[in-house]
Amino acid sequence: MAMLPNALKRGDTIGVIAPSSPPNVKNMQQAILFFDQLGLQIKFGKHVEKVHGYLAGTDDERLEDLHEMFADESISGIFCAGGGYGTGRIADRIDYDLIRKNPKVFWGYSDITYLHTAFRQKTGLTTFHGPMLASDIGKDNFHHASREAFDQLFEPQTIVYDQDVTALEVLAEGEASGEIVGGNLSLLVNSLGSPYELDTKGKLLFIEDIDEEPYRIDSFLSQLKNAGKLEDASGVIVGDFNNAVAKKEPSLSFQQVLDDYFSNLNKPVISGFKIGHCQPHYAIPFGTKSTLSSENKQLTINPGVK
């Protein structure tokens, strides 16, 4: 059963952590103004600017920031500064009981996929797949529609994503309901065979990625298929696959790869959702009841806060 965090209120303090790679500090600092405009205060994790090779600090340091933000009663929500690589390294050391006892808004995407899955499957916490400070919010091209998606944190809102938002394409017909799970495709594959392997049984599987050639996306989908994840899912939501182009010819196109894996599935599959490494980037909650319908070309998502 989903555990919804409390909605944020103007004046609340949010925590910012970097559980993956070192964030662009300039972009991260420029994002402060955005949260000021939302009426939120920011407390940065003590290690958020650390650099340890391709990691934002050692495993101990990144884990400490994560735990401290959940334990701190003055913090109402936790936002990730950026992605990259590193969350899988700390998943087995996280105090999930601490998270279960202190449910809060948790927000991020890309490498944060590993934490979305681990938190939900270990605690039931509903989390948010959305744009991050250094990766998106602090950049000059941050889209107004991406900004509006933060409104869902301040009061329960049902999200309706249809053709009026962006053009959508039906890859397989049908209608299905279930919790939305998933995230970055390469991270989902990375979880297979681990204690944090994604459970798609009766769920709506969401996938997105960036800078992956069609043959790589093909290999990821093949692995998910062979692991039973596509068969188990009640439907599939295809988000943004930024720069999914072949560097060498001949090659199948990205669209051909999608058709190969999804066109004959006996369940709804719709692509074109601007969710992922893109602008605008529409934020959505993971773990709440949702419905995907090919007839209406529509995704309806229950609120992610209470």
C-alpha atoms as a PDB file:
ATOM      1  CA  MET A   1       0.000   0.000   0.000  1.00  0.00           C
ATOM      2  CA  ALA A   2       1.348   3.420  -0.961  1.00  0.00           C
ATOM      3  CA  MET A   3       2.562   5.698   1.841  1.00  0.00           C
ATOM      4  CA  LEU A   4       1.928   9.302   0.798  1.00  0.00           C
ATOM      5  CA  PRO A   5       4.133  12.069   2.209  1.00  0.00           C
ATOM      6  CA  ASN A   6       2.536  15.199   3.618  1.00  0.00           C
ATOM      7  CA  ALA A   7       2.079  18.090   1.201  1.00  0.00           C
ATOM      8  CA  LEU A   8       4.565  20.936   1.445  1.00  0.00           C
ATOM      9  CA  LYS A   9       3.538  24.326   2.825  1.00  0.00           C
ATOM     10  CA  ARG A  10       4.891  27.762   2.002  1.00  0.00           C
ATOM     11  CA  GLY A  11       7.625  28.503   4.502  1.00  0.00           C
ATOM     12  CA  ASP A  12       8.736  24.878   4.798  1.00  0.00           C
ATOM     13  CA  THR A  13      12.405  23.930   4.633  1.00  0.00           C
ATOM     14  CA  ILE A  14      13.553  21.375   2.085  1.00  0.00           C
ATOM     15  CA  GLY A  15      16.830  19.478   2.077  1.00  0.00           C
ATOM     16  CA  VAL A  16      19.115  19.192  -0.958  1.00  0.00           C
ATOM     17  CA  ILE A  17      21.443  16.211  -1.322  1.00  0.00           C
ATOM     18  CA  ALA A  18      23.734  14.810  -4.020  1.00  0.00           C
ATOM     19  CA  PRO A  19      23.538  11.008  -3.717  1.00  0.00           C
ATOM     20  CA  SER A  20      25.113  10.381  -7.133  1.00  0.00           C
ATOM     21  CA  SER A  21      27.732  12.370  -9.069  1.00  0.00           C
ATOM     22  CA  PRO A  22      29.057  15.867  -8.229  1.00  0.00           C
ATOM     23  CA  PRO A  23      26.458  18.471  -9.262  1.00  0.00           C
ATOM     24  CA  ASN A  24      27.255  21.648 -11.174  1.00  0.00           C
ATOM     25  CA  VAL A  25      27.555  23.967  -8.174  1.00  0.00           C
ATOM     26  CA  LYS A  26      26.776  27.142 -10.136  1.00  0.00           C
ATOM     27  CA  ASN A  27      23.527  25.685 -11.504  1.00  0.00           C
ATOM     28  CA  MET A  28      22.634  24.323  -8.076  1.00  0.00           C
ATOM     29  CA  GLN A  29      23.061  27.738  -6.480  1.00  0.00           C
ATOM     30  CA  GLN A  30      21.068  29.415  -9.268  1.00  0.00           C
ATOM     31  CA  ALA A  31      18.163  27.094  -8.461  1.00  0.00           C
ATOM     32  CA  ILE A  32      17.792  28.671  -5.011  1.00  0.00           C
ATOM     33  CA  LEU A  33      15.794  31.566  -6.479  1.00  0.00           C
ATOM     34  CA  PHE A  34      13.236  29.133  -7.909  1.00  0.00           C
ATOM     35  CA  PHE A  35      12.584  27.630  -4.478  1.00  0.00           C
ATOM     36  CA  ASP A  36      12.470  31.112  -2.950  1.00  0.00           C
ATOM     37  CA  GLN A  37       9.659  31.907  -5.386  1.00  0.00           C
ATOM     38  CA  LEU A  38       7.851  28.757  -4.236  1.00  0.00           C
ATOM     39  CA  GLY A  39       8.108  30.010  -0.651  1.00  0.00           C
ATOM     40  CA  LEU A  40      10.513  27.273   0.403  1.00  0.00           C
ATOM     41  CA  GLN A  41      13.728  27.505   2.397  1.00  0.00           C
ATOM     42  CA  ILE A  42      16.730  25.331   1.479  1.00  0.00           C
ATOM     43  CA  LYS A  43      19.128  23.425   3.695  1.00  0.00           C
ATOM     44  CA  PHE A  44      22.005  21.858   1.794  1.00  0.00           C
ATOM     45  CA  GLY A  45      23.500  18.573   2.867  1.00  0.00           C
ATOM     46  CA  LYS A  46      26.915  19.088   4.460  1.00  0.00           C
ATOM     47  CA  HIS A  47      28.613  17.019   1.740  1.00  0.00           C
ATOM     48  CA  VAL A  48      26.628  18.252  -1.285  1.00  0.00           C
ATOM     49  CA  GLU A  49      29.648  19.947  -2.910  1.00  0.00           C
ATOM     50  CA  LYS A  50      32.116  17.141  -2.225  1.00  0.00           C
ATOM     51  CA  VAL A  51      33.926  15.477  -5.136  1.00  0.00           C
ATOM     52  CA  HIS A  52      35.241  11.933  -4.899  1.00  0.00           C
ATOM     53  CA  GLY A  53      36.142  10.941  -8.445  1.00  0.00           C
ATOM     54  CA  TYR A  54      32.845  10.549 -10.300  1.00  0.00           C
ATOM     55  CA  LEU A  55      30.954  10.548  -6.994  1.00  0.00           C
ATOM     56  CA  ALA A  56      29.626  13.462  -4.924  1.00  0.00           C
ATOM     57  CA  GLY A  57      31.639  12.433  -1.897  1.00  0.00           C
ATOM     58  CA  THR A  58      32.402   9.006  -0.510  1.00  0.00           C
ATOM     59  CA  ASP A  59      29.650   6.444  -0.002  1.00  0.00           C
ATOM     60  CA  ASP A  60      29.711   7.261   3.713  1.00  0.00           C
ATOM     61  CA  GLU A  61      29.319  10.994   3.069  1.00  0.00           C
ATOM     62  CA  ARG A  62      26.467  10.659   0.588  1.00  0.00           C
ATOM     63  CA  LEU A  63      24.702   8.168   2.849  1.00  0.00           C
ATOM     64  CA  GLU A  64      25.130  10.493   5.835  1.00  0.00           C
ATOM     65  CA  ASP A  65      23.433  13.380   4.015  1.00  0.00           C
ATOM     66  CA  LEU A  66      20.540  11.130   2.974  1.00  0.00           C
ATOM     67  CA  HIS A  67      19.990   9.818   6.504  1.00  0.00           C
ATOM     68  CA  GLU A  68      20.337  13.231   8.128  1.00  0.00           C
ATOM     69  CA  MET A  69      17.693  14.778   5.882  1.00  0.00           C
ATOM     70  CA  PHE A  70      15.163  12.043   6.665  1.00  0.00           C
ATOM     71  CA  ALA A  71      15.958  12.222  10.390  1.00  0.00           C
ATOM     72  CA  ASP A  72      15.790  16.042  10.585  1.00  0.00           C
ATOM     73  CA  GLU A  73      12.258  16.966  11.697  1.00  0.00           C
ATOM     74  CA  SER A  74      12.701  20.505  10.354  1.00  0.00           C
ATOM     75  CA  ILE A  75      13.007  19.157   6.786  1.00  0.00           C
ATOM     76  CA  SER A  76       9.706  18.648   4.938  1.00  0.00           C
ATOM     77  CA  GLY A  77      11.019  17.377   1.603  1.00  0.00           C
ATOM     78  CA  ILE A  78      14.249  16.135   0.041  1.00  0.00           C
ATOM     79  CA  PHE A  79      15.393  17.152  -3.450  1.00  0.00           C
ATOM     80  CA  CYS A  80      18.326  15.699  -5.337  1.00  0.00           C
ATOM     81  CA  ALA A  81      20.798  18.150  -6.841  1.00  0.00           C
ATOM     82  CA  GLY A  82      21.576  15.921  -9.825  1.00  0.00           C
ATOM     83  CA  GLY A  83      22.093  12.418 -11.115  1.00  0.00           C
ATOM     84  CA  GLY A  84      25.005  10.713 -12.812  1.00  0.00           C
ATOM     85  CA  TYR A  85      26.111   7.571 -11.015  1.00  0.00           C
ATOM     86  CA  GLY A  86      26.325   6.272  -7.482  1.00  0.00           C
ATOM     87  CA  THR A  87      22.978   5.486  -5.829  1.00  0.00           C
ATOM     88  CA  GLY A  88      23.285   1.749  -6.432  1.00  0.00           C
ATOM     89  CA  ARG A  89      26.468   1.782  -4.333  1.00  0.00           C
ATOM     90  CA  ILE A  90      24.627   2.872  -1.167  1.00  0.00           C
ATOM     91  CA  ALA A  91      21.239   1.138  -1.534  1.00  0.00           C
ATOM     92  CA  ASP A  92      22.185  -1.819   0.680  1.00  0.00           C
ATOM     93  CA  ARG A  93      23.296   0.487   3.511  1.00  0.00           C
ATOM     94  CA  ILE A  94      20.234   2.734   3.686  1.00  0.00           C
ATOM     95  CA  ASP A  95      18.215   2.716   6.916  1.00  0.00           C
ATOM     96  CA  TYR A  96      14.811   1.962   5.410  1.00  0.00           C
ATOM     97  CA  ASP A  97      13.186   1.897   8.831  1.00  0.00           C
ATOM     98  CA  LEU A  98      14.227   5.550   9.239  1.00  0.00           C
ATOM     99  CA  ILE A  99      12.503   6.415   5.946  1.00  0.00           C
ATOM    100  CA  ARG A 100       9.415   4.417   6.885  1.00  0.00           C
ATOM    101  CA  LYS A 101       9.103   6.356  10.143  1.00  0.00           C
ATOM    102  CA  ASN A 102       9.775   9.731   8.504  1.00  0.00           C
ATOM    103  CA  PRO A 103       7.953   9.782   5.150  1.00  0.00           C
ATOM    104  CA  LYS A 104       8.732  12.947   3.205  1.00  0.00           C
ATOM    105  CA  VAL A 105       8.549  14.271  -0.328  1.00  0.00           C
ATOM    106  CA  PHE A 106      11.528  12.787  -2.179  1.00  0.00           C
ATOM    107  CA  TRP A 107      12.277  14.189  -5.649  1.00  0.00           C
ATOM    108  CA  GLY A 108      14.730  13.402  -8.463  1.00  0.00           C
ATOM    109  CA  TYR A 109      15.292  11.274 -11.583  1.00  0.00           C
ATOM    110  CA  SER A 110      17.957   9.643 -13.752  1.00  0.00           C
ATOM    111  CA  ASP A 111      20.389   7.821 -11.400  1.00  0.00           C
ATOM    112  CA  ILE A 112      17.884   8.516  -8.607  1.00  0.00           C
ATOM    113  CA  THR A 113      15.789   5.753 -10.216  1.00  0.00           C
ATOM    114  CA  TYR A 114      17.593   3.240  -7.994  1.00  0.00           C
ATOM    115  CA  LEU A 115      16.401   5.086  -4.872  1.00  0.00           C
ATOM    116  CA  HIS A 116      12.841   5.453  -6.182  1.00  0.00           C
ATOM    117  CA  THR A 117      12.623   1.678  -6.563  1.00  0.00           C
ATOM    118  CA  ALA A 118      14.385   0.856  -3.294  1.00  0.00           C
ATOM    119  CA  PHE A 119      12.317   3.307  -1.223  1.00  0.00           C
ATOM    120  CA  ARG A 120       9.001   2.155  -2.665  1.00  0.00           C
ATOM    121  CA  GLN A 121       9.672  -1.572  -2.436  1.00  0.00           C
ATOM    122  CA  LYS A 122      11.261  -1.415   1.019  1.00  0.00           C
ATOM    123  CA  THR A 123       8.964   1.180   2.630  1.00  0.00           C
ATOM    124  CA  GLY A 124       5.948   1.902   0.383  1.00  0.00           C
ATOM    125  CA  LEU A 125       6.873   5.596   0.122  1.00  0.00           C
ATOM    126  CA  THR A 126       5.483   7.454  -2.870  1.00  0.00           C
ATOM    127  CA  THR A 127       8.293   9.456  -4.507  1.00  0.00           C
ATOM    128  CA  PHE A 128       8.505  11.984  -7.328  1.00  0.00           C
ATOM    129  CA  HIS A 129      10.251  11.691 -10.695  1.00  0.00           C
ATOM    130  CA  GLY A 130      11.066  15.285 -11.558  1.00  0.00           C
ATOM    131  CA  PRO A 131      13.662  17.887 -12.605  1.00  0.00           C
ATOM    132  CA  MET A 132      16.623  18.519 -10.298  1.00  0.00           C
ATOM    133  CA  LEU A 133      18.497  21.635  -9.199  1.00  0.00           C
ATOM    134  CA  ALA A 134      21.810  21.389 -11.058  1.00  0.00           C
ATOM    135  CA  SER A 135      20.540  19.269 -13.956  1.00  0.00           C
ATOM    136  CA  ASP A 136      17.510  21.372 -14.833  1.00  0.00           C
ATOM    137  CA  ILE A 137      16.162  24.045 -12.480  1.00  0.00           C
ATOM    138  CA  GLY A 138      19.310  26.181 -12.372  1.00  0.00           C
ATOM    139  CA  LYS A 139      19.711  26.269 -16.156  1.00  0.00           C
ATOM    140  CA  ASP A 140      18.557  29.113 -18.387  1.00  0.00           C
ATOM    141  CA  ASN A 141      16.330  26.822 -20.477  1.00  0.00           C
ATOM    142  CA  PHE A 142      14.225  25.589 -17.538  1.00  0.00           C
ATOM    143  CA  HIS A 143      10.714  25.472 -19.002  1.00  0.00           C
ATOM    144  CA  HIS A 144       7.648  27.143 -17.466  1.00  0.00           C
ATOM    145  CA  ALA A 145       5.685  23.888 -17.759  1.00  0.00           C
ATOM    146  CA  SER A 146       8.383  22.146 -15.735  1.00  0.00           C
ATOM    147  CA  ARG A 147       7.952  24.835 -13.070  1.00  0.00           C
ATOM    148  CA  GLU A 148       4.193  24.339 -12.898  1.00  0.00           C
ATOM    149  CA  ALA A 149       4.628  20.646 -12.088  1.00  0.00           C
ATOM    150  CA  PHE A 150       5.866  21.597  -8.608  1.00  0.00           C
ATOM    151  CA  ASP A 151       2.337  22.755  -7.709  1.00  0.00           C
ATOM    152  CA  GLN A 152       1.385  19.117  -7.077  1.00  0.00           C
ATOM    153  CA  LEU A 153       3.569  19.151  -3.953  1.00  0.00           C
ATOM    154  CA  PHE A 154       1.479  21.807  -2.180  1.00  0.00           C
ATOM    155  CA  GLU A 155      -1.936  20.188  -2.462  1.00  0.00           C
ATOM    156  CA  PRO A 156      -3.216  16.833  -3.699  1.00  0.00           C
ATOM    157  CA  GLN A 157      -3.721  17.035  -7.458  1.00  0.00           C
ATOM    158  CA  THR A 158      -4.844  14.460  -9.989  1.00  0.00           C
ATOM    159  CA  ILE A 159      -2.579  14.693 -13.038  1.00  0.00           C
ATOM    160  CA  VAL A 160      -4.107  14.197 -16.476  1.00  0.00           C
ATOM    161  CA  TYR A 161      -1.533  13.878 -19.261  1.00  0.00           C
ATOM    162  CA  ASP A 162      -3.130  13.708 -22.713  1.00  0.00           C
ATOM    163  CA  GLN A 163      -2.791  15.029 -26.252  1.00  0.00           C
ATOM    164  CA  ASP A 164      -3.375  18.570 -25.002  1.00  0.00           C
ATOM    165  CA  VAL A 165      -0.016  18.403 -23.212  1.00  0.00           C
ATOM    166  CA  THR A 166       2.155  16.858 -25.942  1.00  0.00           C
ATOM    167  CA  ALA A 167       1.615  14.642 -28.983  1.00  0.00           C
ATOM    168  CA  LEU A 168       1.296  10.993 -27.940  1.00  0.00           C
ATOM    169  CA  GLU A 169       1.575   7.827 -30.017  1.00  0.00           C
ATOM    170  CA  VAL A 170      -0.186   4.555 -29.299  1.00  0.00           C
ATOM    171  CA  LEU A 171       2.140   1.581 -29.780  1.00  0.00           C
ATOM    172  CA  ALA A 172      -0.332  -0.983 -28.430  1.00  0.00           C
ATOM    173  CA  GLU A 173      -4.047  -0.645 -27.670  1.00  0.00           C
ATOM    174  CA  GLY A 174      -5.784  -1.137 -24.349  1.00  0.00           C
ATOM    175  CA  GLU A 175      -6.551   0.328 -20.952  1.00  0.00           C
ATOM    176  CA  ALA A 176      -4.903  -0.620 -17.677  1.00  0.00           C
ATOM    177  CA  SER A 177      -4.499   0.642 -14.136  1.00  0.00           C
ATOM    178  CA  GLY A 178      -1.782   0.247 -11.548  1.00  0.00           C
ATOM    179  CA  GLU A 179       0.951   2.069  -9.691  1.00  0.00           C
ATOM    180  CA  ILE A 180       3.559   3.780 -11.881  1.00  0.00           C
ATOM    181  CA  VAL A 181       7.021   2.293 -11.367  1.00  0.00           C
ATOM    182  CA  GLY A 182      10.282   2.524 -13.273  1.00  0.00           C
ATOM    183  CA  GLY A 183      12.467   5.417 -14.369  1.00  0.00           C
ATOM    184  CA  ASN A 184      15.777   5.432 -16.207  1.00  0.00           C
ATOM    185  CA  LEU A 185      15.917   2.318 -18.393  1.00  0.00           C
ATOM    186  CA  SER A 186      19.618   1.542 -17.889  1.00  0.00           C
ATOM    187  CA  LEU A 187      19.205   1.817 -14.093  1.00  0.00           C
ATOM    188  CA  LEU A 188      16.219  -0.534 -14.149  1.00  0.00           C
ATOM    189  CA  VAL A 189      18.298  -3.123 -15.992  1.00  0.00           C
ATOM    190  CA  ASN A 190      21.125  -2.517 -13.514  1.00  0.00           C
ATOM    191  CA  SER A 191      18.788  -3.548 -10.684  1.00  0.00           C
ATOM    192  CA  LEU A 192      18.020  -6.998 -12.122  1.00  0.00           C
ATOM    193  CA  GLY A 193      19.270  -9.825  -9.950  1.00  0.00           C
ATOM    194  CA  SER A 194      19.674  -7.535  -6.922  1.00  0.00           C
ATOM    195  CA  PRO A 195      17.481  -7.128  -3.817  1.00  0.00           C
ATOM    196  CA  TYR A 196      16.216  -3.944  -5.507  1.00  0.00           C
ATOM    197  CA  GLU A 197      15.068  -5.590  -8.729  1.00  0.00           C
ATOM    198  CA  LEU A 198      12.078  -3.704 -10.074  1.00  0.00           C
ATOM    199  CA  ASP A 199       8.708  -5.370  -9.442  1.00  0.00           C
ATOM    200  CA  THR A 200       6.358  -4.660 -12.381  1.00  0.00           C
ATOM    201  CA  LYS A 201       3.605  -7.141 -11.525  1.00  0.00           C
ATOM    202  CA  GLY A 202       0.303  -5.361 -12.213  1.00  0.00           C
ATOM    203  CA  LYS A 203       2.140  -2.021 -12.478  1.00  0.00           C
ATOM    204  CA  LEU A 204       2.419   0.628 -15.185  1.00  0.00           C
ATOM    205  CA  LEU A 205       6.061   0.553 -16.256  1.00  0.00           C
ATOM    206  CA  PHE A 206       7.593   3.943 -17.081  1.00  0.00           C
ATOM    207  CA  ILE A 207      10.883   4.144 -19.000  1.00  0.00           C
ATOM    208  CA  GLU A 208      13.163   6.959 -20.209  1.00  0.00           C
ATOM    209  CA  ASP A 209      16.857   7.452 -21.005  1.00  0.00           C
ATOM    210  CA  ILE A 210      19.420   9.752 -22.613  1.00  0.00           C
ATOM    211  CA  ASP A 211      22.280   9.385 -25.102  1.00  0.00           C
ATOM    212  CA  GLU A 212      21.671   5.681 -25.695  1.00  0.00           C
ATOM    213  CA  GLU A 213      21.913   4.335 -29.236  1.00  0.00           C
ATOM    214  CA  PRO A 214      19.084   2.153 -30.585  1.00  0.00           C
ATOM    215  CA  TYR A 215      21.125  -1.054 -30.188  1.00  0.00           C
ATOM    216  CA  ARG A 216      21.698  -0.242 -26.517  1.00  0.00           C
ATOM    217  CA  ILE A 217      18.004   0.461 -25.917  1.00  0.00           C
ATOM    218  CA  ASP A 218      17.294  -2.805 -27.738  1.00  0.00           C
ATOM    219  CA  SER A 219      19.617  -4.683 -25.359  1.00  0.00           C
ATOM    220  CA  PHE A 220      18.005  -3.078 -22.283  1.00  0.00           C
ATOM    221  CA  LEU A 221      14.478  -3.927 -23.449  1.00  0.00           C
ATOM    222  CA  SER A 222      15.580  -7.444 -24.340  1.00  0.00           C
ATOM    223  CA  GLN A 223      16.860  -7.934 -20.813  1.00  0.00           C
ATOM    224  CA  LEU A 224      13.649  -6.592 -19.277  1.00  0.00           C
ATOM    225  CA  LYS A 225      11.609  -8.811 -21.573  1.00  0.00           C
ATOM    226  CA  ASN A 226      13.632 -11.928 -20.763  1.00  0.00           C
ATOM    227  CA  ALA A 227      13.342 -11.123 -17.058  1.00  0.00           C
ATOM    228  CA  GLY A 228       9.536 -11.106 -17.408  1.00  0.00           C
ATOM    229  CA  LYS A 229       9.183  -7.417 -16.616  1.00  0.00           C
ATOM    230  CA  LEU A 230       7.276  -6.502 -19.777  1.00  0.00           C
ATOM    231  CA  GLU A 231       4.935  -9.466 -19.422  1.00  0.00           C
ATOM    232  CA  ASP A 232       4.271  -8.671 -15.748  1.00  0.00           C
ATOM    233  CA  ALA A 233       3.470  -4.996 -16.358  1.00  0.00           C
ATOM    234  CA  SER A 234      -0.142  -3.937 -16.910  1.00  0.00           C
ATOM    235  CA  GLY A 235       0.957  -1.249 -19.368  1.00  0.00           C
ATOM    236  CA  VAL A 236       3.989   0.738 -20.504  1.00  0.00           C
ATOM    237  CA  ILE A 237       4.564   4.508 -20.476  1.00  0.00           C
ATOM    238  CA  VAL A 238       7.391   5.532 -22.803  1.00  0.00           C
ATOM    239  CA  GLY A 239       8.961   8.808 -21.701  1.00  0.00           C
ATOM    240  CA  ASP A 240      11.599  10.892 -23.419  1.00  0.00           C
ATOM    241  CA  PHE A 241      14.601   9.169 -25.001  1.00  0.00           C
ATOM    242  CA  ASN A 242      16.851  12.139 -25.618  1.00  0.00           C
ATOM    243  CA  ASN A 243      19.388  11.701 -28.447  1.00  0.00           C
ATOM    244  CA  ALA A 244      18.479   8.064 -29.168  1.00  0.00           C
ATOM    245  CA  VAL A 245      20.291   8.064 -32.492  1.00  0.00           C
ATOM    246  CA  ALA A 246      22.774   5.650 -34.022  1.00  0.00           C
ATOM    247  CA  LYS A 247      26.396   6.714 -34.300  1.00  0.00           C
ATOM    248  CA  LYS A 248      27.064   4.087 -36.966  1.00  0.00           C
ATOM    249  CA  GLU A 249      25.050   2.758 -39.888  1.00  0.00           C
ATOM    250  CA  PRO A 250      23.342   0.494 -40.671  1.00  0.00           C
ATOM    251  CA  SER A 251      21.083   0.614 -37.623  1.00  0.00           C
ATOM    252  CA  LEU A 252      17.505   0.144 -36.617  1.00  0.00           C
ATOM    253  CA  SER A 253      15.832   3.400 -35.646  1.00  0.00           C
ATOM    254  CA  PHE A 254      14.656   4.067 -32.107  1.00  0.00           C
ATOM    255  CA  GLN A 255      11.064   3.814 -33.342  1.00  0.00           C
ATOM    256  CA  GLN A 256      11.726   0.425 -34.921  1.00  0.00           C
ATOM    257  CA  VAL A 257      13.114  -0.854 -31.624  1.00  0.00           C
ATOM    258  CA  LEU A 258      10.010   0.356 -29.782  1.00  0.00           C
ATOM    259  CA  ASP A 259       7.752  -1.318 -32.343  1.00  0.00           C
ATOM    260  CA  ASP A 260       9.655  -4.603 -32.066  1.00  0.00           C
ATOM    261  CA  TYR A 261       9.120  -4.823 -28.314  1.00  0.00           C
ATOM    262  CA  PHE A 262       5.769  -3.142 -27.789  1.00  0.00           C
ATOM    263  CA  SER A 263       3.521  -3.262 -30.869  1.00  0.00           C
ATOM    264  CA  ASN A 264       2.361  -6.832 -30.183  1.00  0.00           C
ATOM    265  CA  LEU A 265       1.996  -6.559 -26.410  1.00  0.00           C
ATOM    266  CA  ASN A 266      -1.546  -7.280 -25.294  1.00  0.00           C
ATOM    267  CA  LYS A 267      -1.630  -4.190 -23.075  1.00  0.00           C
ATOM    268  CA  PRO A 268      -1.574  -0.411 -23.528  1.00  0.00           C
ATOM    269  CA  VAL A 269       1.736   1.139 -24.563  1.00  0.00           C
ATOM    270  CA  ILE A 270       1.908   4.867 -25.312  1.00  0.00           C
ATOM    271  CA  SER A 271       4.987   6.944 -26.186  1.00  0.00           C
ATOM    272  CA  GLY A 272       5.688  10.653 -26.445  1.00  0.00           C
ATOM    273  CA  PHE A 273       5.509  11.661 -22.787  1.00  0.00           C
ATOM    274  CA  LYS A 274       7.865  14.561 -22.043  1.00  0.00           C
ATOM    275  CA  ILE A 275       9.120  12.990 -18.858  1.00  0.00           C
ATOM    276  CA  GLY A 276      12.866  12.535 -18.513  1.00  0.00           C
ATOM    277  CA  HIS A 277      15.998  14.284 -19.761  1.00  0.00           C
ATOM    278  CA  CYS A 278      14.061  16.940 -21.674  1.00  0.00           C
ATOM    279  CA  GLN A 279      12.453  20.365 -21.482  1.00  0.00           C
ATOM    280  CA  PRO A 280       9.709  20.635 -20.601  1.00  0.00           C
ATOM    281  CA  HIS A 281      10.054  17.817 -18.077  1.00  0.00           C
ATOM    282  CA  TYR A 282       6.716  16.988 -16.486  1.00  0.00           C
ATOM    283  CA  ALA A 283       7.128  15.639 -12.962  1.00  0.00           C
ATOM    284  CA  ILE A 284       5.001  12.693 -11.841  1.00  0.00           C
ATOM    285  CA  PRO A 285       4.620  10.673  -8.641  1.00  0.00           C
ATOM    286  CA  PHE A 286       5.670   7.028  -8.538  1.00  0.00           C
ATOM    287  CA  GLY A 287       3.598   4.519  -6.600  1.00  0.00           C
ATOM    288  CA  THR A 288       0.098   6.011  -6.773  1.00  0.00           C
ATOM    289  CA  LYS A 289      -2.870   4.487  -8.613  1.00  0.00           C
ATOM    290  CA  SER A 290      -2.857   5.501 -12.281  1.00  0.00           C
ATOM    291  CA  THR A 291      -4.689   4.613 -15.490  1.00  0.00           C
ATOM    292  CA  LEU A 292      -3.293   4.443 -19.030  1.00  0.00           C
ATOM    293  CA  SER A 293      -5.800   4.452 -21.897  1.00  0.00           C
ATOM    294  CA  SER A 294      -5.042   4.153 -25.604  1.00  0.00           C
ATOM    295  CA  GLU A 295      -8.609   5.092 -26.565  1.00  0.00           C
ATOM    296  CA  ASN A 296      -8.249   8.504 -24.939  1.00  0.00           C
ATOM    297  CA  LYS A 297      -4.461   8.694 -25.379  1.00  0.00           C
ATOM    298  CA  GLN A 298      -4.424   9.598 -21.732  1.00  0.00           C
ATOM    299  CA  LEU A 299      -2.521   8.937 -18.510  1.00  0.00           C
ATOM    300  CA  THR A 300      -4.346   9.790 -15.285  1.00  0.00           C
ATOM    301  CA  ILE A 301      -2.330   9.789 -12.034  1.00  0.00           C
ATOM    302  CA  ASN A 302      -3.678  10.021  -8.495  1.00  0.00           C
ATOM    303  CA  PRO A 303      -2.136  12.602  -6.128  1.00  0.00           C
ATOM    304  CA  GLY A 304       1.313  11.913  -4.666  1.00  0.00           C
ATOM    305  CA  VAL A 305       0.837  13.867  -1.422  1.00  0.00           C
ATOM    306  CA  LYS A 306      -1.794  13.978   1.282  1.00  0.00           C
END
